[in-house]
N, C-alpha and C. Protein backbone atom coordinates (compact mmCIF):
# COMPACT_ATOMS: atom_id res chain seq x y z
N MET A 1 123.24 87.68 71.20
CA MET A 1 121.94 87.42 71.60
C MET A 1 120.92 87.56 70.38
N THR A 2 120.12 87.00 70.21
CA THR A 2 119.25 87.00 69.19
C THR A 2 118.15 87.97 69.60
N LYS A 3 117.25 88.40 68.47
CA LYS A 3 116.20 89.36 68.72
C LYS A 3 115.04 88.61 69.64
N SER A 4 114.59 89.40 70.52
CA SER A 4 113.60 88.80 71.34
C SER A 4 112.08 89.12 70.78
N LYS A 5 111.02 88.48 71.57
CA LYS A 5 109.83 88.46 71.03
C LYS A 5 109.25 89.93 71.07
N ALA A 6 108.27 90.12 70.26
CA ALA A 6 107.54 91.62 70.29
C ALA A 6 106.74 91.71 71.44
N SER A 7 106.63 90.69 72.50
CA SER A 7 105.94 91.11 73.69
C SER A 7 106.82 91.65 74.59
N GLU A 8 108.11 91.79 74.39
CA GLU A 8 108.94 92.55 75.30
C GLU A 8 108.99 94.07 74.82
N LEU A 9 108.33 94.50 73.94
CA LEU A 9 108.00 95.99 73.44
C LEU A 9 106.83 96.26 74.28
N LYS A 10 106.85 97.48 75.11
CA LYS A 10 105.80 97.70 76.00
C LYS A 10 105.22 98.93 75.78
N VAL A 11 103.85 99.37 75.67
CA VAL A 11 103.21 100.53 75.73
C VAL A 11 102.76 100.66 77.15
N ILE A 12 103.22 101.95 77.50
CA ILE A 12 103.24 102.42 78.98
C ILE A 12 102.37 103.70 79.01
N LEU A 13 101.13 103.78 79.49
CA LEU A 13 100.32 104.70 79.47
C LEU A 13 100.56 105.69 80.54
N ARG A 14 100.70 106.93 80.56
CA ARG A 14 100.94 108.00 81.24
C ARG A 14 100.06 109.00 81.03
N ILE A 15 99.17 109.70 81.78
CA ILE A 15 98.56 110.83 81.54
C ILE A 15 99.12 112.11 82.43
N ASP A 16 99.57 113.04 81.87
CA ASP A 16 100.14 114.31 82.50
C ASP A 16 99.26 115.33 82.48
N PHE A 17 98.91 115.68 83.88
CA PHE A 17 97.91 116.68 84.07
C PHE A 17 98.66 118.00 84.34
N PRO A 18 98.05 119.02 84.22
CA PRO A 18 98.51 120.54 84.41
C PRO A 18 99.21 120.62 85.72
N GLY A 19 100.24 120.98 85.66
CA GLY A 19 100.95 121.41 87.26
C GLY A 19 101.86 120.27 87.41
N GLY A 20 102.28 119.46 86.55
CA GLY A 20 103.26 118.35 86.65
C GLY A 20 102.62 117.15 87.44
N VAL A 21 101.33 116.83 87.60
CA VAL A 21 100.87 115.77 88.11
C VAL A 21 100.62 114.70 87.14
N ARG A 22 100.89 113.42 87.60
CA ARG A 22 100.92 112.47 86.65
C ARG A 22 99.92 111.38 87.24
N LEU A 23 99.44 110.53 86.21
CA LEU A 23 98.51 109.33 86.39
C LEU A 23 98.94 108.27 85.53
N GLY A 24 99.52 107.00 86.04
CA GLY A 24 100.01 106.16 85.00
C GLY A 24 99.91 104.85 85.89
N ARG A 25 100.94 103.91 85.38
CA ARG A 25 100.82 102.61 85.58
C ARG A 25 101.00 102.42 87.29
N GLY A 26 101.94 103.18 87.78
CA GLY A 26 102.29 103.13 89.05
C GLY A 26 101.08 103.57 90.06
N LYS A 27 100.52 104.42 89.98
CA LYS A 27 99.22 104.79 90.65
C LYS A 27 98.07 103.81 90.38
N ALA A 28 98.13 103.32 89.31
CA ALA A 28 97.06 102.28 88.96
C ALA A 28 97.34 101.14 89.54
N GLN A 29 98.60 100.59 89.62
CA GLN A 29 98.99 99.39 90.53
C GLN A 29 98.54 99.66 91.92
N LEU A 30 98.90 100.79 92.49
CA LEU A 30 98.72 101.13 93.93
C LEU A 30 97.15 101.00 94.08
N MET A 31 96.26 101.58 93.31
CA MET A 31 94.86 101.38 93.56
C MET A 31 94.53 100.04 93.40
N GLY A 32 94.84 99.24 92.55
CA GLY A 32 94.60 97.95 92.38
C GLY A 32 94.94 97.13 93.69
N LEU A 33 96.22 97.19 94.19
CA LEU A 33 96.48 96.63 95.48
C LEU A 33 95.97 97.00 96.71
N ILE A 34 95.52 98.39 96.76
CA ILE A 34 94.60 98.97 97.95
C ILE A 34 93.35 98.19 97.99
N ARG A 35 92.67 98.17 96.53
CA ARG A 35 91.47 97.37 96.51
C ARG A 35 91.58 95.90 96.81
N ASP A 36 92.66 95.22 96.61
CA ASP A 36 92.92 93.70 96.81
C ASP A 36 93.30 93.62 98.31
N THR A 37 94.03 94.63 98.99
CA THR A 37 94.48 94.34 100.12
C THR A 37 93.72 95.01 101.38
N GLY A 38 93.05 96.07 101.10
CA GLY A 38 92.18 96.76 101.96
C GLY A 38 93.14 97.83 102.79
N SER A 39 94.36 97.80 102.25
CA SER A 39 95.43 98.70 103.07
C SER A 39 96.42 99.37 102.29
N ILE A 40 96.72 100.75 102.60
CA ILE A 40 97.66 101.50 102.11
C ILE A 40 99.09 100.81 102.32
N SER A 41 99.47 100.62 103.40
CA SER A 41 100.53 100.01 104.06
C SER A 41 101.01 98.59 103.29
N ALA A 42 100.11 97.80 103.17
CA ALA A 42 100.20 96.50 102.43
C ALA A 42 100.32 96.86 100.93
N ALA A 43 99.66 97.74 100.45
CA ALA A 43 99.78 98.06 99.00
C ALA A 43 101.25 98.51 98.83
N GLY A 44 101.52 99.39 99.57
CA GLY A 44 102.95 99.90 99.54
C GLY A 44 103.92 98.78 99.71
N ARG A 45 103.85 98.01 100.61
CA ARG A 45 104.79 96.79 100.58
C ARG A 45 104.76 96.05 99.58
N ALA A 46 103.69 95.77 98.86
CA ALA A 46 103.84 94.85 97.55
C ALA A 46 104.49 95.79 96.61
N MET A 47 104.60 96.90 96.61
CA MET A 47 105.26 97.55 95.69
C MET A 47 106.53 98.00 96.07
N ASP A 48 107.18 97.44 97.21
CA ASP A 48 108.36 97.75 97.65
C ASP A 48 108.62 99.29 97.73
N MET A 49 107.60 99.88 98.49
CA MET A 49 107.62 101.36 98.85
C MET A 49 107.24 101.65 100.37
N SER A 50 107.66 102.66 100.99
CA SER A 50 107.23 102.85 102.35
C SER A 50 105.76 103.35 102.19
N TYR A 51 105.26 103.21 103.51
CA TYR A 51 104.04 103.55 103.63
C TYR A 51 103.73 105.08 103.52
N ARG A 52 104.77 105.75 103.92
CA ARG A 52 104.78 107.38 103.58
C ARG A 52 104.64 107.63 102.26
N ARG A 53 105.53 106.84 101.22
CA ARG A 53 105.51 107.13 99.89
C ARG A 53 104.06 106.81 99.29
N ALA A 54 103.43 105.52 99.80
CA ALA A 54 102.19 105.22 99.22
C ALA A 54 101.08 106.24 99.71
N TRP A 55 101.21 106.71 100.96
CA TRP A 55 100.35 107.62 101.45
C TRP A 55 100.22 108.93 100.55
N LEU A 56 101.43 109.39 100.26
CA LEU A 56 101.58 110.59 99.64
C LEU A 56 101.12 110.55 98.30
N LEU A 57 101.26 109.31 97.53
CA LEU A 57 100.56 108.96 96.33
C LEU A 57 99.10 108.92 96.31
N VAL A 58 98.57 108.49 97.36
CA VAL A 58 97.23 108.28 97.57
C VAL A 58 96.47 109.81 97.74
N ASP A 59 97.18 110.49 98.55
CA ASP A 59 96.79 111.92 98.91
C ASP A 59 96.98 112.80 97.60
N GLU A 60 98.02 112.53 96.59
CA GLU A 60 97.99 113.27 95.40
C GLU A 60 96.90 112.82 94.53
N MET A 61 96.54 111.61 94.42
CA MET A 61 95.40 111.08 93.83
C MET A 61 94.06 111.80 94.02
N ASN A 62 93.90 111.61 95.45
CA ASN A 62 92.77 112.25 96.14
C ASN A 62 92.63 113.81 95.95
N HIS A 63 93.76 114.46 95.56
CA HIS A 63 93.54 115.91 95.13
C HIS A 63 93.58 116.27 93.70
N MET A 64 93.78 115.19 92.83
CA MET A 64 93.85 115.49 91.29
C MET A 64 92.54 115.56 90.95
N PHE A 65 91.42 115.04 91.58
CA PHE A 65 89.92 114.93 91.04
C PHE A 65 89.05 115.66 92.02
N THR A 66 87.88 115.93 91.44
CA THR A 66 86.79 116.39 92.29
C THR A 66 86.10 115.35 93.31
N GLU A 67 86.43 114.28 93.28
CA GLU A 67 86.16 113.18 94.28
C GLU A 67 87.23 112.39 94.67
N PRO A 68 87.24 111.87 95.86
CA PRO A 68 88.36 111.31 96.37
C PRO A 68 88.57 109.82 95.76
N VAL A 69 89.66 109.25 95.71
CA VAL A 69 89.94 107.96 94.73
C VAL A 69 89.96 107.03 95.98
N VAL A 70 90.59 107.25 97.19
CA VAL A 70 90.71 106.25 98.34
C VAL A 70 90.05 106.88 99.47
N GLU A 71 89.47 105.94 100.30
CA GLU A 71 89.21 106.41 101.55
C GLU A 71 89.91 105.51 102.55
N SER A 72 90.49 106.03 103.62
CA SER A 72 91.17 105.34 104.68
C SER A 72 90.46 105.58 106.03
N GLN A 73 90.71 104.79 106.86
CA GLN A 73 90.29 104.70 108.29
C GLN A 73 91.46 104.41 109.16
N ARG A 74 91.55 105.31 110.27
CA ARG A 74 92.60 105.15 111.13
C ARG A 74 92.56 103.87 111.82
N GLY A 75 93.49 103.28 112.51
CA GLY A 75 93.49 102.11 113.36
C GLY A 75 92.34 102.34 114.60
N GLY A 76 92.15 101.36 115.16
CA GLY A 76 91.24 101.32 116.36
C GLY A 76 90.79 99.89 116.55
N LYS A 77 89.45 99.93 116.88
CA LYS A 77 88.72 98.79 117.01
C LYS A 77 88.74 97.99 115.74
N GLN A 78 88.38 98.53 114.60
CA GLN A 78 88.57 97.81 113.23
C GLN A 78 89.74 97.64 112.62
N GLY A 79 90.76 98.22 113.41
CA GLY A 79 92.12 98.10 112.85
C GLY A 79 92.65 98.97 111.74
N GLY A 80 91.81 99.94 111.33
CA GLY A 80 91.99 100.69 110.18
C GLY A 80 91.95 100.26 109.00
N GLY A 81 92.32 100.65 107.66
CA GLY A 81 92.20 100.08 106.48
C GLY A 81 91.91 101.36 105.47
N ALA A 82 91.78 100.88 104.21
CA ALA A 82 91.47 101.77 103.07
C ALA A 82 90.80 100.97 102.07
N ALA A 83 90.12 101.70 101.15
CA ALA A 83 89.25 101.07 100.14
C ALA A 83 89.06 102.18 99.06
N LEU A 84 89.07 101.55 97.75
CA LEU A 84 88.82 102.55 96.89
C LEU A 84 87.42 102.92 96.70
N THR A 85 87.10 104.25 96.60
CA THR A 85 85.68 104.74 96.49
C THR A 85 85.17 104.17 95.28
N ALA A 86 83.87 104.49 95.07
CA ALA A 86 83.05 104.25 93.77
C ALA A 86 83.86 104.93 92.57
N PHE A 87 84.28 105.93 92.86
CA PHE A 87 85.00 106.86 91.63
C PHE A 87 86.40 106.22 91.48
N GLY A 88 87.13 105.91 92.58
CA GLY A 88 88.38 105.13 92.47
C GLY A 88 88.25 103.85 91.69
N GLU A 89 87.08 103.15 92.02
CA GLU A 89 86.95 101.75 91.23
C GLU A 89 86.93 102.17 89.77
N GLU A 90 85.93 103.31 89.47
CA GLU A 90 85.70 103.53 87.89
C GLU A 90 87.06 104.11 87.45
N LEU A 91 87.76 104.86 88.22
CA LEU A 91 89.11 105.37 87.55
C LEU A 91 89.93 104.34 87.21
N LEU A 92 90.15 103.23 88.16
CA LEU A 92 91.00 102.33 88.15
C LEU A 92 90.50 101.33 86.84
N ALA A 93 89.24 101.18 86.72
CA ALA A 93 88.69 100.27 85.57
C ALA A 93 89.04 101.20 84.31
N ARG A 94 88.96 102.35 84.19
CA ARG A 94 89.29 103.23 82.98
C ARG A 94 90.44 103.36 82.57
N MET A 95 91.36 103.39 83.77
CA MET A 95 92.92 103.33 83.26
C MET A 95 93.34 101.97 82.65
N GLN A 96 92.86 100.85 83.23
CA GLN A 96 92.87 99.61 82.70
C GLN A 96 92.52 99.49 81.17
N ALA A 97 91.17 100.09 81.12
CA ALA A 97 90.69 99.98 79.68
C ALA A 97 91.45 100.76 78.56
N LEU A 98 92.12 102.05 79.42
CA LEU A 98 92.80 102.95 78.44
C LEU A 98 94.20 102.34 78.00
N GLN A 99 94.65 101.56 78.92
CA GLN A 99 95.82 100.77 78.72
C GLN A 99 95.82 99.78 77.46
N GLN A 100 94.59 99.05 77.82
CA GLN A 100 94.30 97.96 76.67
C GLN A 100 94.10 98.61 75.22
N GLN A 101 93.45 99.54 75.42
CA GLN A 101 93.05 100.31 74.02
C GLN A 101 94.36 100.79 73.51
N ALA A 102 95.31 101.33 74.18
CA ALA A 102 96.40 101.77 73.62
C ALA A 102 97.25 100.61 72.87
N GLU A 103 97.37 99.53 73.88
CA GLU A 103 98.16 98.44 73.47
C GLU A 103 97.53 97.81 71.97
N ASN A 104 96.11 97.78 72.11
CA ASN A 104 95.46 97.37 70.88
C ASN A 104 95.92 98.36 69.66
N ALA A 105 95.55 99.51 69.89
CA ALA A 105 95.69 100.52 68.63
C ALA A 105 97.26 100.49 68.21
N MET A 106 98.15 100.04 69.05
CA MET A 106 99.70 100.09 68.81
C MET A 106 100.18 98.80 68.36
N ALA A 107 99.35 97.80 68.38
CA ALA A 107 99.83 96.30 68.11
C ALA A 107 100.64 96.14 66.84
N ALA A 108 100.03 96.65 65.78
CA ALA A 108 100.66 96.45 64.44
C ALA A 108 102.03 97.25 64.27
N ASP A 109 101.93 98.43 64.81
CA ASP A 109 103.26 99.09 64.93
C ASP A 109 104.24 98.54 65.81
N LEU A 110 103.79 98.15 66.96
CA LEU A 110 104.72 97.15 67.70
C LEU A 110 105.61 96.11 67.06
N VAL A 111 104.69 95.28 66.13
CA VAL A 111 105.14 94.19 65.37
C VAL A 111 106.24 94.70 64.48
N TRP A 112 106.04 95.87 63.71
CA TRP A 112 106.88 96.46 62.80
C TRP A 112 107.99 96.92 63.52
N LEU A 113 108.05 97.72 64.65
CA LEU A 113 109.01 97.83 65.29
C LEU A 113 110.13 96.83 65.59
N GLU A 114 109.44 95.78 66.31
CA GLU A 114 110.08 94.58 66.68
C GLU A 114 110.90 94.01 65.34
N LYS A 115 110.33 93.84 64.41
CA LYS A 115 110.78 93.30 63.18
C LYS A 115 112.23 94.25 62.68
N HIS A 116 112.06 95.43 63.00
CA HIS A 116 113.07 96.38 62.50
C HIS A 116 114.24 96.83 63.50
N ARG A 117 114.02 96.43 64.81
CA ARG A 117 114.80 96.84 65.93
C ARG A 117 116.16 95.90 65.77
N ALA A 118 117.47 96.74 66.22
CA ALA A 118 118.57 96.09 66.31
C ALA A 118 118.47 95.00 67.54
N PRO A 119 119.16 93.84 67.29
CA PRO A 119 119.31 92.93 68.47
C PRO A 119 119.97 93.45 69.65
N VAL A 120 119.32 92.98 70.82
CA VAL A 120 119.93 93.36 72.22
C VAL A 120 121.16 92.55 72.32
N THR A 121 122.24 93.17 72.82
CA THR A 121 123.34 92.20 72.94
C THR A 121 123.71 92.39 74.43
N GLU A 122 124.45 91.26 75.12
CA GLU A 122 124.82 91.30 76.50
C GLU A 122 126.22 91.93 76.43
N PRO A 123 126.32 92.70 77.49
CA PRO A 123 127.70 93.49 77.63
C PRO A 123 128.87 92.37 77.87
N SER A 124 129.86 92.75 77.39
CA SER A 124 131.08 91.71 77.47
C SER A 124 131.93 92.13 78.68
N ASN A 125 132.15 90.93 79.32
CA ASN A 125 133.12 90.94 80.73
C ASN A 125 134.49 91.07 80.44
N ASP A 126 134.94 91.12 79.27
CA ASP A 126 136.45 91.41 79.03
C ASP A 126 137.02 92.57 79.27
């Protein structure tokens, strides 16, 4: 197999907080899906995770900061739902901006790495 495009090299932003708590692309994706769907369960399904796992990640994010990231409403007449708070919206925008800044800052180095990396080969079935 020949060398592939530089676009296959990826910069993945992850911020490690004290105590082993992390904020990265998975939580950012979950925030974006909650914003788009208005639902923790729908966001979890879109990421192929259980409602419980999605809820635990939301709970973790809500405890990482001095302000909540997601507000949820139990079912009832309105049918429940969830939404990013104003803080959550800003957090998501900042995470997306940080990711873009990291990619921009590393672009030339990624081109260099791509130029010098060994080709990826397919495993043989022999």
